[in-house]
Amino acid sequence: MKLFSALSTSTGKSIAALALAILILSPSLLHATSITYDLTLTDPTNSAYSGTGVVTLNVIPTLTYTNYSADVTALSFTVDGQTFNLTDAGASLSAFEFSQLSPTANIWDITFTDQVGTSPERLSLHSTSGYTFYYDNLSASTNGTFGAATIDPSATPEPSSLFLLGTGILGGAGVLRRRLGQQRS
C-alpha cells in the first residue's frame, strides 16, 4: 500500500513511468545483433601460407548475394605470421557477401586487400572463396580457398540488467516517498 501511495506523487509517477518504459522497451531495443565468423584460409600446396581470420558484422545477415561490407566492424587475418587487419592504413574491403545463410553460413565473396611490413606482404581475397597471398616483396604468390564458421552470438545480459535497474528505480521511489512522508509528519 505504501508503494502505491509513494507512486501517487508527481515525482513518483515520473519515476514509475521511466521504470516501466525501461522494463518494456529494454528487451527489444538493446539486444545485441552483431555476429562473428571464424575464417579459415587453406593453401593446398604450402600450409605455411594458410591462415585464420575473424570477421564481425554489426547486423545478422538475412539476404544472400547482398553486399554487407558497410556492416563489417572488424576483420583480420593471419597468414605466414603476418596479421592483416581492416584497420591497417591502406586496407580496403569492397565486398562481403553470403551465398547461403542456413543451416550454416557460406561466404560467397570477400574482396579485401591489405599490405603489411617493410618488404610488403600482401593478402588479397577475391570472389568465390579464393585468396592470393603475395610474399617475397611481391615477387611470389600462392593461392588458396577460404571457409567460414559461425560463432554463435552469446546471450546478452542487457534485458535482465535493465529489468533489475527498473525494479531498483521502483524500489527507490518507494524509499523516497517514505522519507518524504516522514519529514512532513
Protein backbone atom coordinates (compact mmCIF):
# COMPACT_ATOMS: atom_id res chain seq x y z
CA MET A 1 0.00 0.00 0.00
CA LYS A 2 2.83 2.39 0.84
CA LEU A 3 4.39 1.75 -2.57
CA PHE A 4 1.17 2.82 -4.28
CA SER A 5 0.94 5.98 -2.18
CA ALA A 6 4.59 6.73 -3.00
CA LEU A 7 3.75 6.47 -6.66
CA SER A 8 0.85 8.92 -6.36
CA THR A 9 3.14 11.97 -6.22
CA SER A 10 4.21 13.59 -9.49
CA THR A 11 7.85 12.64 -8.85
CA GLY A 12 6.80 9.10 -8.04
CA LYS A 13 4.71 8.93 -11.20
CA SER A 14 7.63 10.14 -13.32
CA ILE A 15 9.98 7.60 -11.79
CA ALA A 16 7.41 4.83 -12.21
CA ALA A 17 6.85 5.79 -15.86
CA LEU A 18 10.61 5.73 -16.50
CA ALA A 19 11.00 2.36 -14.82
CA LEU A 20 8.04 0.94 -16.75
CA ALA A 21 9.47 2.21 -20.05
CA ILE A 22 12.82 0.58 -19.27
CA LEU A 23 11.13 -2.69 -18.36
CA ILE A 24 9.02 -2.78 -21.52
CA LEU A 25 11.46 -1.47 -24.12
CA SER A 26 14.79 -2.89 -22.97
CA PRO A 27 14.47 -6.45 -24.29
CA SER A 28 13.65 -5.40 -27.83
CA LEU A 29 15.81 -2.30 -28.18
CA LEU A 30 19.03 -3.32 -26.53
CA HIS A 31 19.55 -6.92 -27.60
CA ALA A 32 22.92 -7.27 -29.31
CA THR A 33 22.70 -8.11 -33.01
CA SER A 34 26.34 -8.48 -34.03
CA ILE A 35 27.66 -11.80 -35.29
CA THR A 36 31.20 -13.14 -35.65
CA TYR A 37 32.61 -15.68 -38.09
CA ASP A 38 35.87 -17.63 -37.78
CA LEU A 39 37.57 -17.80 -41.18
CA THR A 40 40.00 -20.45 -42.38
CA LEU A 41 42.36 -19.89 -45.30
CA THR A 42 43.73 -23.06 -46.86
CA ASP A 43 46.64 -23.22 -49.30
CA PRO A 44 46.67 -26.80 -50.65
CA THR A 45 50.31 -26.56 -51.80
CA ASN A 46 52.01 -24.93 -48.80
CA SER A 47 50.49 -24.89 -45.32
CA ALA A 48 52.82 -22.03 -44.30
CA TYR A 49 50.63 -19.77 -46.41
CA SER A 50 47.39 -20.99 -44.89
CA GLY A 51 45.88 -18.98 -42.07
CA THR A 52 42.96 -17.93 -39.97
CA GLY A 53 40.77 -14.89 -39.67
CA VAL A 54 37.83 -13.35 -37.88
CA VAL A 55 35.10 -11.07 -39.18
CA THR A 56 32.39 -9.32 -37.15
CA LEU A 57 29.28 -7.71 -38.59
CA ASN A 58 27.01 -5.31 -36.71
CA VAL A 59 23.91 -6.96 -38.22
CA ILE A 60 22.81 -10.55 -38.59
CA PRO A 61 22.67 -11.15 -42.36
CA THR A 62 19.26 -12.04 -43.80
CA LEU A 63 19.86 -11.89 -47.58
CA THR A 64 22.19 -13.82 -49.87
CA TYR A 65 24.29 -12.14 -52.57
CA THR A 66 23.93 -8.79 -50.81
CA ASN A 67 26.99 -6.67 -50.03
CA TYR A 68 27.40 -6.37 -46.26
CA SER A 69 30.82 -4.67 -46.38
CA ALA A 70 29.43 -1.48 -44.77
CA ASP A 71 28.28 -3.61 -41.81
CA VAL A 72 31.70 -5.17 -41.13
CA THR A 73 33.03 -3.77 -37.86
CA ALA A 74 36.16 -5.93 -37.56
CA LEU A 75 38.15 -8.05 -40.00
CA SER A 76 41.58 -9.59 -39.56
CA PHE A 77 43.61 -12.47 -41.00
CA THR A 78 46.88 -14.08 -40.01
CA VAL A 79 48.90 -15.72 -42.77
CA ASP A 80 52.58 -16.72 -42.51
CA GLY A 81 52.87 -14.90 -39.18
CA GLN A 82 51.65 -11.64 -40.71
CA THR A 83 48.42 -10.07 -39.42
CA PHE A 84 46.28 -8.27 -41.96
CA ASN A 85 43.65 -6.01 -40.43
CA LEU A 86 40.83 -3.87 -41.78
CA THR A 87 42.09 -1.03 -39.57
CA ASP A 88 45.54 -1.01 -41.25
CA ALA A 89 46.38 2.06 -43.30
CA GLY A 90 45.61 1.32 -46.94
CA ALA A 91 43.46 -1.76 -46.23
CA SER A 92 40.26 -1.93 -48.21
CA LEU A 93 37.10 -4.02 -48.10
CA SER A 94 34.74 -3.57 -51.03
CA ALA A 95 32.55 -6.68 -50.86
CA PHE A 96 31.29 -9.13 -48.27
CA GLU A 97 28.51 -11.45 -49.48
CA PHE A 98 26.92 -14.74 -48.48
CA SER A 99 25.75 -17.49 -50.83
CA GLN A 100 23.91 -19.34 -48.08
CA LEU A 101 22.69 -18.35 -44.62
CA SER A 102 21.18 -21.56 -43.25
CA PRO A 103 21.61 -24.17 -41.98
CA THR A 104 25.18 -22.80 -41.96
CA ALA A 105 26.52 -19.60 -43.47
CA ASN A 106 28.64 -19.80 -46.60
CA ILE A 107 30.60 -16.73 -47.62
CA TRP A 108 30.46 -16.12 -51.35
CA ASP A 109 32.76 -13.13 -51.67
CA ILE A 110 35.18 -11.18 -49.52
CA THR A 111 37.01 -8.58 -51.57
CA PHE A 112 39.70 -7.39 -49.18
CA THR A 113 43.23 -6.12 -49.78
CA ASP A 114 45.87 -5.26 -47.21
CA GLN A 115 49.64 -4.87 -47.22
CA VAL A 116 51.94 -5.08 -44.19
CA GLY A 117 55.65 -4.95 -43.48
CA THR A 118 58.54 -3.03 -44.94
CA SER A 119 59.04 -5.64 -47.64
CA PRO A 120 55.36 -5.75 -48.45
CA GLU A 121 53.48 -8.93 -47.82
CA ARG A 122 50.05 -8.56 -49.31
CA LEU A 123 46.83 -10.51 -48.88
CA SER A 124 44.06 -10.27 -51.46
CA LEU A 125 40.77 -12.08 -51.16
CA HIS A 126 38.60 -12.28 -54.22
CA SER A 127 35.27 -13.67 -55.36
CA THR A 128 34.06 -17.23 -54.90
CA SER A 129 36.14 -18.29 -51.94
CA GLY A 130 39.63 -17.72 -53.31
CA TYR A 131 42.57 -15.80 -51.94
CA THR A 132 46.03 -14.80 -53.12
CA PHE A 133 48.91 -14.21 -50.74
CA TYR A 134 51.82 -12.23 -52.16
CA TYR A 135 55.20 -12.60 -50.45
CA ASP A 136 58.96 -12.10 -51.05
CA ASN A 137 58.47 -8.39 -51.69
CA LEU A 138 55.53 -9.16 -54.01
CA SER A 139 57.68 -11.29 -56.33
CA ALA A 140 55.92 -14.57 -55.48
CA SER A 141 52.36 -15.57 -54.71
CA THR A 142 50.24 -18.51 -53.72
CA ASN A 143 46.52 -19.22 -53.95
CA GLY A 144 44.04 -20.95 -51.72
CA THR A 145 40.44 -21.14 -50.60
CA PHE A 146 38.67 -19.78 -47.55
CA GLY A 147 35.79 -21.03 -45.47
CA ALA A 148 33.76 -19.66 -42.58
CA ALA A 149 32.21 -20.98 -39.38
CA THR A 150 29.66 -19.03 -37.40
CA ILE A 151 30.47 -18.27 -33.79
CA ASP A 152 27.11 -18.35 -32.04
CA PRO A 153 26.36 -14.97 -30.52
CA SER A 154 26.31 -15.35 -26.77
CA ALA A 155 23.27 -14.34 -24.82
CA THR A 156 23.46 -10.72 -23.84
CA PRO A 157 22.57 -9.66 -20.32
CA GLU A 158 21.15 -6.23 -21.22
CA PRO A 159 17.43 -7.03 -20.84
CA SER A 160 17.81 -8.69 -17.44
CA SER A 161 20.18 -5.97 -16.26
CA LEU A 162 17.72 -3.29 -17.24
CA PHE A 163 14.89 -5.21 -15.57
CA LEU A 164 16.97 -5.13 -12.40
CA LEU A 165 17.59 -1.41 -12.88
CA GLY A 166 13.85 -0.79 -13.39
CA THR A 167 12.89 -2.65 -10.23
CA GLY A 168 15.60 -0.76 -8.36
CA ILE A 169 14.15 2.55 -9.54
CA LEU A 170 10.70 1.47 -8.38
CA GLY A 171 12.15 0.49 -5.00
CA GLY A 172 13.99 3.80 -4.80
CA ALA A 173 10.72 5.64 -5.49
CA GLY A 174 9.13 3.83 -2.56
CA VAL A 175 12.01 4.68 -0.22
CA LEU A 176 11.97 8.30 -1.39
CA ARG A 177 8.23 8.54 -0.74
CA ARG A 178 8.63 7.03 2.71
CA ARG A 179 11.37 9.53 3.66
CA LEU A 180 9.39 12.48 2.31
CA GLY A 181 6.32 11.29 4.25
CA GLN A 182 8.32 11.02 7.49
CA GLN A 183 9.76 14.54 7.06
CA ARG A 184 6.25 16.00 6.61
CA SER A 185 4.96 14.33 9.80
